[in-house]
Amino acid sequence: MCVHKRINQIGRAMLMVTAGLMAAGLIASSLASSLHAQTYTISQNGKTVGSATLSVNAAADGLRITSSTKIAMTDLNYSFSATQSLDSAYRLRNIQLNGLVNGTAATVSAAQQGQNIQVKMSGNGKGSDTPLAMHPYAVFWPDFDPGALQIMVNLGAAHNNRDLWAIIPKQTGSIVPLKIVTNADEQGTVNGQPVTVHHLTVSFDTGGAEVFSGPANELLQADWTDEGFALVRQGFKLSPSARPRNTPPPPPAIPKAEPGRHLPITSPAGQPYPGASTPNQPQN
């Protein structure tokens, strides 16, 4: 999938037994004390197009995870900042996201209410308030979000990469199962020091990524190989391997919008992204 198709289809982005809770709690405590703040570079086919940040901090009632992403391309200006509150076992409590898609503001908030998670979204003068079934291992999943990837890695490590779900902040919101495949460990360096790298292949019905983490499950890299995008932690280098890399095909011509109309920005499922115009919808 070429970058222009990616632009028109932007998006991809916990109650357990005692042993599981203890394992998740230990992982969360270790990560919060060692990760602090990290910076990532976002590239497309080797060219830097943006950056991202991630911070994991202990809070009185669990964990506070803040993340941000910014991508600046010829046809895409995409940015957001997100704050998530979780308990010490990485179980989601509430979310607040503020973002921009090509200059149009979008907001998402979510909080657990009983057996559901209530997702409120607004953008382009429209809003929605949708209850979704709450799963114990739910991950809030904006596009290119290091926070989502880090939470997924930690939940997966605590629960054998099984029964994880992604909350997709597109249109009115949805929740879909994540499929996670554990691959053989690879090697890399962090600031020149050798490190063992865990490798996961993560997918759901409309997307996925190759995700790489360190010995303490800290997020190091994510590759969206079909589109040629990569998110890489500052100072990290993955050692070359025989792992195949897909080369995106040449980009097709982008259709022009009719006068007084805007091309839509849609999710991989063909749903409008919050803040994007709908197909053939006149703009005021």
C-alpha atoms as a PDB file:
ATOM      1  CA  MET A   1       0.000   0.000   0.000  1.00  0.00           C
ATOM      2  CA  CYS A   2       1.594   3.303  -1.095  1.00  0.00           C
ATOM      3  CA  VAL A   3       1.873   6.386   1.062  1.00  0.00           C
ATOM      4  CA  HIS A   4      -0.928   8.184  -0.814  1.00  0.00           C
ATOM      5  CA  LYS A   5      -3.327   5.298  -0.226  1.00  0.00           C
ATOM      6  CA  ARG A   6      -2.194   5.288   3.397  1.00  0.00           C
ATOM      7  CA  ILE A   7      -3.060   8.980   3.622  1.00  0.00           C
ATOM      8  CA  ASN A   8      -6.565   8.397   2.250  1.00  0.00           C
ATOM      9  CA  GLN A   9      -6.989   5.480   4.642  1.00  0.00           C
ATOM     10  CA  ILE A  10      -5.234   6.832   7.758  1.00  0.00           C
ATOM     11  CA  GLY A  11      -5.682   4.556  10.682  1.00  0.00           C
ATOM     12  CA  ARG A  12      -5.134   1.122  11.552  1.00  0.00           C
ATOM     13  CA  ALA A  13      -4.199   3.711  16.386  1.00  0.00           C
ATOM     14  CA  MET A  14      -8.577  -6.619  32.412  1.00  0.00           C
ATOM     15  CA  LEU A  15      -9.784  -8.648  35.272  1.00  0.00           C
ATOM     16  CA  MET A  16      -7.397 -11.620  35.808  1.00  0.00           C
ATOM     17  CA  VAL A  17      -6.393 -14.387  38.223  1.00  0.00           C
ATOM     18  CA  THR A  18      -4.016 -13.525  41.069  1.00  0.00           C
ATOM     19  CA  ALA A  19      -0.911 -14.799  39.291  1.00  0.00           C
ATOM     20  CA  GLY A  20      -1.676 -12.745  36.209  1.00  0.00           C
ATOM     21  CA  LEU A  21      -2.252  -9.604  38.253  1.00  0.00           C
ATOM     22  CA  MET A  22       1.035 -10.070  40.107  1.00  0.00           C
ATOM     23  CA  ALA A  23       2.964 -10.542  36.880  1.00  0.00           C
ATOM     24  CA  ALA A  24       1.369  -7.498  35.262  1.00  0.00           C
ATOM     25  CA  GLY A  25       1.958  -5.414  38.380  1.00  0.00           C
ATOM     26  CA  LEU A  26       5.654  -6.304  38.495  1.00  0.00           C
ATOM     27  CA  ILE A  27       6.051  -5.487  34.811  1.00  0.00           C
ATOM     28  CA  ALA A  28       4.280  -2.156  35.221  1.00  0.00           C
ATOM     29  CA  SER A  29       6.354  -1.205  38.254  1.00  0.00           C
ATOM     30  CA  SER A  30       9.604  -2.103  36.491  1.00  0.00           C
ATOM     31  CA  LEU A  31       8.686  -0.228  33.330  1.00  0.00           C
ATOM     32  CA  ALA A  32       7.477   2.893  35.123  1.00  0.00           C
ATOM     33  CA  SER A  33      10.741   3.119  37.062  1.00  0.00           C
ATOM     34  CA  SER A  34      13.022   2.529  34.057  1.00  0.00           C
ATOM     35  CA  LEU A  35      11.334   3.935  30.946  1.00  0.00           C
ATOM     36  CA  HIS A  36      10.584   7.524  32.001  1.00  0.00           C
ATOM     37  CA  ALA A  37      10.426   9.558  28.782  1.00  0.00           C
ATOM     38  CA  GLN A  38      11.486   8.366  25.333  1.00  0.00           C
ATOM     39  CA  THR A  39      11.616   9.974  21.913  1.00  0.00           C
ATOM     40  CA  TYR A  40      10.967   8.165  18.626  1.00  0.00           C
ATOM     41  CA  THR A  41      11.574   9.042  14.998  1.00  0.00           C
ATOM     42  CA  ILE A  42       8.894   8.268  12.411  1.00  0.00           C
ATOM     43  CA  SER A  43      10.075   7.596   8.872  1.00  0.00           C
ATOM     44  CA  GLN A  44       8.527   6.539   5.585  1.00  0.00           C
ATOM     45  CA  ASN A  45      10.780   4.535   3.241  1.00  0.00           C
ATOM     46  CA  GLY A  46      13.807   5.770   5.186  1.00  0.00           C
ATOM     47  CA  LYS A  47      12.868   9.476   5.091  1.00  0.00           C
ATOM     48  CA  THR A  48      12.038  11.160   8.396  1.00  0.00           C
ATOM     49  CA  VAL A  49       8.457  12.448   8.363  1.00  0.00           C
ATOM     50  CA  GLY A  50       7.700  12.927  12.047  1.00  0.00           C
ATOM     51  CA  SER A  51       8.366  12.130  15.669  1.00  0.00           C
ATOM     52  CA  ALA A  52       6.680  10.694  18.747  1.00  0.00           C
ATOM     53  CA  THR A  53       7.161  10.754  22.500  1.00  0.00           C
ATOM     54  CA  LEU A  54       6.232   8.390  25.319  1.00  0.00           C
ATOM     55  CA  SER A  55       6.275   8.807  29.089  1.00  0.00           C
ATOM     56  CA  VAL A  56       5.278   6.217  31.690  1.00  0.00           C
ATOM     57  CA  ASN A  57       4.900   7.440  35.264  1.00  0.00           C
ATOM     58  CA  ALA A  58       3.654   5.942  38.496  1.00  0.00           C
ATOM     59  CA  ALA A  59       0.500   7.527  39.934  1.00  0.00           C
ATOM     60  CA  ALA A  60      -1.234   7.167  43.294  1.00  0.00           C
ATOM     61  CA  ASP A  61      -3.859   4.881  41.758  1.00  0.00           C
ATOM     62  CA  GLY A  62      -1.703   3.095  39.152  1.00  0.00           C
ATOM     63  CA  LEU A  63      -0.002   4.468  36.041  1.00  0.00           C
ATOM     64  CA  ARG A  64      -0.187   7.565  33.899  1.00  0.00           C
ATOM     65  CA  ILE A  65       0.915   7.169  30.277  1.00  0.00           C
ATOM     66  CA  THR A  66       1.296  10.191  28.033  1.00  0.00           C
ATOM     67  CA  SER A  67       2.183  10.032  24.365  1.00  0.00           C
ATOM     68  CA  SER A  68       2.247  12.264  21.340  1.00  0.00           C
ATOM     69  CA  THR A  69       2.756  11.834  17.604  1.00  0.00           C
ATOM     70  CA  LYS A  70       3.355  14.352  14.837  1.00  0.00           C
ATOM     71  CA  ILE A  71       3.629  13.591  11.116  1.00  0.00           C
ATOM     72  CA  ALA A  72       4.213  16.339   8.542  1.00  0.00           C
ATOM     73  CA  MET A  73       4.020  15.291   4.891  1.00  0.00           C
ATOM     74  CA  THR A  74       3.008  16.984   1.666  1.00  0.00           C
ATOM     75  CA  ASP A  75      -0.535  15.619   1.821  1.00  0.00           C
ATOM     76  CA  LEU A  76      -0.792  14.775   5.498  1.00  0.00           C
ATOM     77  CA  ASN A  77      -0.437  16.793   8.682  1.00  0.00           C
ATOM     78  CA  TYR A  78      -1.428  14.490  11.526  1.00  0.00           C
ATOM     79  CA  SER A  79      -0.783  15.068  15.209  1.00  0.00           C
ATOM     80  CA  PHE A  80      -2.213  14.197  18.606  1.00  0.00           C
ATOM     81  CA  SER A  81      -1.434  14.119  22.296  1.00  0.00           C
ATOM     82  CA  ALA A  82      -2.991  11.482  24.553  1.00  0.00           C
ATOM     83  CA  THR A  83      -3.133  10.767  28.271  1.00  0.00           C
ATOM     84  CA  GLN A  84      -4.191   7.386  29.613  1.00  0.00           C
ATOM     85  CA  SER A  85      -4.840   6.381  33.213  1.00  0.00           C
ATOM     86  CA  LEU A  86      -4.412   2.695  34.019  1.00  0.00           C
ATOM     87  CA  ASP A  87      -4.174   0.591  37.136  1.00  0.00           C
ATOM     88  CA  SER A  88      -0.877  -1.082  38.037  1.00  0.00           C
ATOM     89  CA  ALA A  89      -1.825  -4.115  35.908  1.00  0.00           C
ATOM     90  CA  TYR A  90      -2.235  -1.959  32.773  1.00  0.00           C
ATOM     91  CA  ARG A  91      -6.037  -2.144  32.888  1.00  0.00           C
ATOM     92  CA  LEU A  92      -7.570   0.872  31.209  1.00  0.00           C
ATOM     93  CA  ARG A  93      -9.459   3.432  33.274  1.00  0.00           C
ATOM     94  CA  ASN A  94      -9.816   6.536  31.138  1.00  0.00           C
ATOM     95  CA  ILE A  95      -8.405   8.262  28.060  1.00  0.00           C
ATOM     96  CA  GLN A  96      -8.197  11.784  26.703  1.00  0.00           C
ATOM     97  CA  LEU A  97      -6.885  12.541  23.190  1.00  0.00           C
ATOM     98  CA  ASN A  98      -6.676  15.828  21.298  1.00  0.00           C
ATOM     99  CA  GLY A  99      -5.576  15.801  17.692  1.00  0.00           C
ATOM    100  CA  LEU A 100      -5.442  17.502  14.306  1.00  0.00           C
ATOM    101  CA  VAL A 101      -5.918  15.944  10.878  1.00  0.00           C
ATOM    102  CA  ASN A 102      -4.918  18.315   8.087  1.00  0.00           C
ATOM    103  CA  GLY A 103      -5.850  21.287  10.255  1.00  0.00           C
ATOM    104  CA  THR A 104      -9.176  19.939  11.530  1.00  0.00           C
ATOM    105  CA  ALA A 105      -9.441  19.326  15.273  1.00  0.00           C
ATOM    106  CA  ALA A 106     -10.626  16.018  16.696  1.00  0.00           C
ATOM    107  CA  THR A 107     -11.057  14.870  20.299  1.00  0.00           C
ATOM    108  CA  VAL A 108     -11.595  11.462  21.868  1.00  0.00           C
ATOM    109  CA  SER A 109     -12.341  10.608  25.486  1.00  0.00           C
ATOM    110  CA  ALA A 110     -13.180   7.258  27.002  1.00  0.00           C
ATOM    111  CA  ALA A 111     -13.888   5.889  30.457  1.00  0.00           C
ATOM    112  CA  GLN A 112     -15.025   2.585  31.859  1.00  0.00           C
ATOM    113  CA  GLN A 113     -18.655   2.492  32.945  1.00  0.00           C
ATOM    114  CA  GLY A 114     -19.746  -0.846  34.382  1.00  0.00           C
ATOM    115  CA  GLN A 115     -19.200  -3.566  31.793  1.00  0.00           C
ATOM    116  CA  ASN A 116     -18.657  -1.034  28.979  1.00  0.00           C
ATOM    117  CA  ILE A 117     -16.187   1.606  27.961  1.00  0.00           C
ATOM    118  CA  GLN A 118     -17.935   4.800  26.881  1.00  0.00           C
ATOM    119  CA  VAL A 119     -16.195   6.416  23.900  1.00  0.00           C
ATOM    120  CA  LYS A 120     -16.971  10.051  23.091  1.00  0.00           C
ATOM    121  CA  MET A 121     -15.635  11.485  19.830  1.00  0.00           C
ATOM    122  CA  SER A 122     -15.973  14.847  18.116  1.00  0.00           C
ATOM    123  CA  GLY A 123     -14.639  16.417  14.945  1.00  0.00           C
ATOM    124  CA  ASN A 124     -15.715  18.383  11.896  1.00  0.00           C
ATOM    125  CA  GLY A 125     -18.751  19.694  13.777  1.00  0.00           C
ATOM    126  CA  LYS A 126     -20.029  16.204  14.598  1.00  0.00           C
ATOM    127  CA  GLY A 127     -19.966  14.051  17.707  1.00  0.00           C
ATOM    128  CA  SER A 128     -20.746  10.562  18.975  1.00  0.00           C
ATOM    129  CA  ASP A 129     -21.094   8.814  22.312  1.00  0.00           C
ATOM    130  CA  THR A 130     -20.736   5.041  21.943  1.00  0.00           C
ATOM    131  CA  PRO A 131     -20.703   2.266  24.577  1.00  0.00           C
ATOM    132  CA  LEU A 132     -18.325  -0.562  23.659  1.00  0.00           C
ATOM    133  CA  ALA A 133     -17.993  -3.910  25.401  1.00  0.00           C
ATOM    134  CA  MET A 134     -15.093  -3.645  27.853  1.00  0.00           C
ATOM    135  CA  HIS A 135     -12.508  -6.416  27.601  1.00  0.00           C
ATOM    136  CA  PRO A 136      -9.948  -6.961  30.383  1.00  0.00           C
ATOM    137  CA  TYR A 137      -6.981  -6.538  28.022  1.00  0.00           C
ATOM    138  CA  ALA A 138      -8.186  -3.555  26.001  1.00  0.00           C
ATOM    139  CA  VAL A 139      -5.674  -1.208  24.353  1.00  0.00           C
ATOM    140  CA  PHE A 140      -6.556   2.267  23.072  1.00  0.00           C
ATOM    141  CA  TRP A 141      -5.147   2.222  19.521  1.00  0.00           C
ATOM    142  CA  PRO A 142      -4.590   5.535  17.675  1.00  0.00           C
ATOM    143  CA  ASP A 143      -2.378   5.482  14.582  1.00  0.00           C
ATOM    144  CA  PHE A 144       1.380   5.545  15.193  1.00  0.00           C
ATOM    145  CA  ASP A 145       0.963   5.799  18.975  1.00  0.00           C
ATOM    146  CA  PRO A 146       3.941   4.587  21.047  1.00  0.00           C
ATOM    147  CA  GLY A 147       1.673   4.518  24.109  1.00  0.00           C
ATOM    148  CA  ALA A 148      -0.657   1.976  22.519  1.00  0.00           C
ATOM    149  CA  LEU A 149       2.265  -0.172  21.401  1.00  0.00           C
ATOM    150  CA  GLN A 150       3.906  -0.061  24.833  1.00  0.00           C
ATOM    151  CA  ILE A 151       0.709  -1.052  26.636  1.00  0.00           C
ATOM    152  CA  MET A 152       0.130  -3.881  24.151  1.00  0.00           C
ATOM    153  CA  VAL A 153       3.664  -5.209  24.702  1.00  0.00           C
ATOM    154  CA  ASN A 154       3.243  -5.216  28.478  1.00  0.00           C
ATOM    155  CA  LEU A 155      -0.223  -6.753  28.493  1.00  0.00           C
ATOM    156  CA  GLY A 156       0.963  -9.385  26.033  1.00  0.00           C
ATOM    157  CA  ALA A 157       4.001 -10.233  28.156  1.00  0.00           C
ATOM    158  CA  ALA A 158       1.806 -10.693  31.228  1.00  0.00           C
ATOM    159  CA  HIS A 159      -0.870 -12.757  29.468  1.00  0.00           C
ATOM    160  CA  ASN A 160       0.950 -14.848  26.850  1.00  0.00           C
ATOM    161  CA  ASN A 161      -0.121 -12.513  24.022  1.00  0.00           C
ATOM    162  CA  ARG A 162      -3.678 -13.823  24.223  1.00  0.00           C
ATOM    163  CA  ASP A 163      -7.119 -12.204  24.429  1.00  0.00           C
ATOM    164  CA  LEU A 164      -5.958  -8.640  23.708  1.00  0.00           C
ATOM    165  CA  TRP A 165      -8.341  -6.169  22.057  1.00  0.00           C
ATOM    166  CA  ALA A 166      -7.870  -2.797  20.341  1.00  0.00           C
ATOM    167  CA  ILE A 167     -10.177   0.191  20.814  1.00  0.00           C
ATOM    168  CA  ILE A 168     -10.089   1.914  17.421  1.00  0.00           C
ATOM    169  CA  PRO A 169     -10.830   5.682  17.559  1.00  0.00           C
ATOM    170  CA  LYS A 170     -12.424   5.979  14.121  1.00  0.00           C
ATOM    171  CA  GLN A 171     -15.888   7.278  13.201  1.00  0.00           C
ATOM    172  CA  THR A 172     -17.959   6.336  16.302  1.00  0.00           C
ATOM    173  CA  GLY A 173     -15.367   3.904  17.712  1.00  0.00           C
ATOM    174  CA  SER A 174     -15.038   0.131  17.636  1.00  0.00           C
ATOM    175  CA  ILE A 175     -13.265  -2.653  19.500  1.00  0.00           C
ATOM    176  CA  VAL A 176     -11.591  -5.539  17.652  1.00  0.00           C
ATOM    177  CA  PRO A 177      -9.456  -8.534  18.688  1.00  0.00           C
ATOM    178  CA  LEU A 178      -5.686  -8.363  18.268  1.00  0.00           C
ATOM    179  CA  LYS A 179      -3.792 -11.329  16.870  1.00  0.00           C
ATOM    180  CA  ILE A 180      -0.225 -11.502  18.196  1.00  0.00           C
ATOM    181  CA  VAL A 181       2.437 -13.891  16.897  1.00  0.00           C
ATOM    182  CA  THR A 182       5.672 -14.324  18.848  1.00  0.00           C
ATOM    183  CA  ASN A 183       8.720 -14.515  16.586  1.00  0.00           C
ATOM    184  CA  ALA A 184      12.306 -15.527  17.357  1.00  0.00           C
ATOM    185  CA  ASP A 185      14.361 -12.968  19.262  1.00  0.00           C
ATOM    186  CA  GLU A 186      16.622 -10.686  17.262  1.00  0.00           C
ATOM    187  CA  GLN A 187      19.582  -8.508  18.161  1.00  0.00           C
ATOM    188  CA  GLY A 188      20.164  -4.779  18.222  1.00  0.00           C
ATOM    189  CA  THR A 189      21.944  -1.973  20.041  1.00  0.00           C
ATOM    190  CA  VAL A 190      20.755   0.854  22.291  1.00  0.00           C
ATOM    191  CA  ASN A 191      23.228   3.722  22.336  1.00  0.00           C
ATOM    192  CA  GLY A 192      25.830   1.309  21.019  1.00  0.00           C
ATOM    193  CA  GLN A 193      25.257  -1.375  23.671  1.00  0.00           C
ATOM    194  CA  PRO A 194      24.100  -4.854  22.517  1.00  0.00           C
ATOM    195  CA  VAL A 195      20.549  -5.798  23.466  1.00  0.00           C
ATOM    196  CA  THR A 196      18.289  -8.789  22.895  1.00  0.00           C
ATOM    197  CA  VAL A 197      15.199  -7.741  20.943  1.00  0.00           C
ATOM    198  CA  HIS A 198      11.790  -9.419  21.231  1.00  0.00           C
ATOM    199  CA  HIS A 199       9.779  -9.444  17.989  1.00  0.00           C
ATOM    200  CA  LEU A 200       5.984  -9.600  17.719  1.00  0.00           C
ATOM    201  CA  THR A 201       3.746  -9.563  14.652  1.00  0.00           C
ATOM    202  CA  VAL A 202       0.535  -7.770  15.620  1.00  0.00           C
ATOM    203  CA  SER A 203      -2.533  -7.674  13.395  1.00  0.00           C
ATOM    204  CA  PHE A 204      -6.270  -7.021  13.424  1.00  0.00           C
ATOM    205  CA  ASP A 205      -8.943  -6.883  10.751  1.00  0.00           C
ATOM    206  CA  THR A 206      -7.764  -3.640   9.136  1.00  0.00           C
ATOM    207  CA  GLY A 207      -4.057  -3.357   9.909  1.00  0.00           C
ATOM    208  CA  GLY A 208      -1.076  -4.375  11.961  1.00  0.00           C
ATOM    209  CA  ALA A 209       2.643  -3.915  12.585  1.00  0.00           C
ATOM    210  CA  GLU A 210       5.933  -5.621  13.394  1.00  0.00           C
ATOM    211  CA  VAL A 211       6.776  -4.596  16.971  1.00  0.00           C
ATOM    212  CA  PHE A 212      10.184  -4.848  18.665  1.00  0.00           C
ATOM    213  CA  SER A 213      10.882  -4.490  22.383  1.00  0.00           C
ATOM    214  CA  GLY A 214      13.832  -4.841  24.750  1.00  0.00           C
ATOM    215  CA  PRO A 215      14.563  -7.207  27.648  1.00  0.00           C
ATOM    216  CA  ALA A 216      12.349  -5.185  30.032  1.00  0.00           C
ATOM    217  CA  ASN A 217       9.596  -5.080  27.367  1.00  0.00           C
ATOM    218  CA  GLU A 218      10.361  -1.436  26.583  1.00  0.00           C
ATOM    219  CA  LEU A 219       9.185  -0.383  23.120  1.00  0.00           C
ATOM    220  CA  LEU A 220      12.097  -0.017  20.680  1.00  0.00           C
ATOM    221  CA  GLN A 221      10.617  -0.063  17.183  1.00  0.00           C
ATOM    222  CA  ALA A 222       7.460  -0.669  15.136  1.00  0.00           C
ATOM    223  CA  ASP A 223       7.312  -1.256  11.375  1.00  0.00           C
ATOM    224  CA  TRP A 224       4.272  -0.914   9.125  1.00  0.00           C
ATOM    225  CA  THR A 225       6.007  -2.725   6.298  1.00  0.00           C
ATOM    226  CA  ASP A 226       3.271  -2.546   3.659  1.00  0.00           C
ATOM    227  CA  GLU A 227       3.393   1.245   3.723  1.00  0.00           C
ATOM    228  CA  GLY A 228       7.099   1.604   4.542  1.00  0.00           C
ATOM    229  CA  PHE A 229       6.524   3.453   7.840  1.00  0.00           C
ATOM    230  CA  ALA A 230       8.705   2.873  10.908  1.00  0.00           C
ATOM    231  CA  LEU A 231       8.747   4.253  14.450  1.00  0.00           C
ATOM    232  CA  VAL A 232      12.196   3.886  16.059  1.00  0.00           C
ATOM    233  CA  ARG A 233      13.358   4.831  19.543  1.00  0.00           C
ATOM    234  CA  GLN A 234      16.189   7.335  19.651  1.00  0.00           C
ATOM    235  CA  GLY A 235      19.530   5.505  19.942  1.00  0.00           C
ATOM    236  CA  PHE A 236      18.170   2.103  18.880  1.00  0.00           C
ATOM    237  CA  LYS A 237      19.384   0.129  15.874  1.00  0.00           C
ATOM    238  CA  LEU A 238      18.014  -3.254  14.866  1.00  0.00           C
ATOM    239  CA  SER A 239      20.704  -5.578  13.555  1.00  0.00           C
ATOM    240  CA  PRO A 240      20.192  -6.732   9.952  1.00  0.00           C
ATOM    241  CA  SER A 241      18.323  -9.993   9.572  1.00  0.00           C
ATOM    242  CA  ALA A 242      16.876 -12.231   6.890  1.00  0.00           C
ATOM    243  CA  ARG A 243      13.411 -10.926   7.763  1.00  0.00           C
ATOM    244  CA  PRO A 244      11.682  -9.861   4.502  1.00  0.00           C
ATOM    245  CA  ARG A 245      10.820  -6.209   3.996  1.00  0.00           C
ATOM    246  CA  ASN A 246       8.055  -5.181   1.645  1.00  0.00           C
ATOM    247  CA  THR A 247       8.726  -2.376  -0.819  1.00  0.00           C
ATOM    248  CA  PRO A 248       5.686  -0.171  -1.461  1.00  0.00           C
ATOM    249  CA  PRO A 249       4.586   0.105  -5.117  1.00  0.00           C
ATOM    250  CA  PRO A 250       4.808   3.453  -6.933  1.00  0.00           C
ATOM    251  CA  PRO A 251       2.109   5.887  -5.762  1.00  0.00           C
ATOM    252  CA  PRO A 252      -0.971   6.259  -7.973  1.00  0.00           C
ATOM    253  CA  ALA A 253      -2.317   9.629  -9.001  1.00  0.00           C
ATOM    254  CA  ILE A 254      -4.389  11.325  -6.319  1.00  0.00           C
ATOM    255  CA  PRO A 255      -7.893  12.299  -7.529  1.00  0.00           C
ATOM    256  CA  LYS A 256      -8.746  15.983  -7.349  1.00  0.00           C
ATOM    257  CA  ALA A 257     -11.665  17.188  -5.292  1.00  0.00           C
ATOM    258  CA  GLU A 258     -14.516  18.937  -7.030  1.00  0.00           C
ATOM    259  CA  PRO A 259     -14.814  22.691  -6.400  1.00  0.00           C
ATOM    260  CA  GLY A 260     -16.252  23.347  -2.973  1.00  0.00           C
ATOM    261  CA  ARG A 261     -15.652  19.740  -1.859  1.00  0.00           C
ATOM    262  CA  HIS A 262     -12.889  17.975   0.047  1.00  0.00           C
ATOM    263  CA  LEU A 263     -11.445  14.533  -0.398  1.00  0.00           C
ATOM    264  CA  PRO A 264     -12.237  12.312   2.601  1.00  0.00           C
ATOM    265  CA  ILE A 265      -9.654  10.912   4.961  1.00  0.00           C
ATOM    266  CA  THR A 266     -10.835   7.416   5.800  1.00  0.00           C
ATOM    267  CA  SER A 267      -9.803   4.594   8.035  1.00  0.00           C
ATOM    268  CA  PRO A 268      -8.583   1.251   6.659  1.00  0.00           C
ATOM    269  CA  ALA A 269     -12.187   0.056   7.003  1.00  0.00           C
ATOM    270  CA  GLY A 270     -13.352   2.928   4.814  1.00  0.00           C
ATOM    271  CA  GLN A 271     -14.742   4.931   7.723  1.00  0.00           C
ATOM    272  CA  PRO A 272     -14.110   8.684   8.046  1.00  0.00           C
ATOM    273  CA  TYR A 273     -11.449   9.686  10.543  1.00  0.00           C
ATOM    274  CA  PRO A 274     -12.729  12.097  13.239  1.00  0.00           C
ATOM    275  CA  GLY A 275     -12.441  15.586  11.843  1.00  0.00           C
ATOM    276  CA  ALA A 276     -12.239  14.506   8.186  1.00  0.00           C
ATOM    277  CA  SER A 277     -14.917  15.383   5.645  1.00  0.00           C
ATOM    278  CA  THR A 278     -17.216  12.686   4.372  1.00  0.00           C
ATOM    279  CA  PRO A 279     -17.217  11.797   0.648  1.00  0.00           C
ATOM    280  CA  ASN A 280     -18.902  14.403  -1.565  1.00  0.00           C
ATOM    281  CA  GLN A 281     -20.026  16.438   1.428  1.00  0.00           C
ATOM    282  CA  PRO A 282     -20.128  20.206   0.665  1.00  0.00           C
ATOM    283  CA  GLN A 283     -18.056  22.275   3.068  1.00  0.00           C
ATOM    284  CA  ASN A 284     -19.440  25.458   4.601  1.00  0.00           C
END
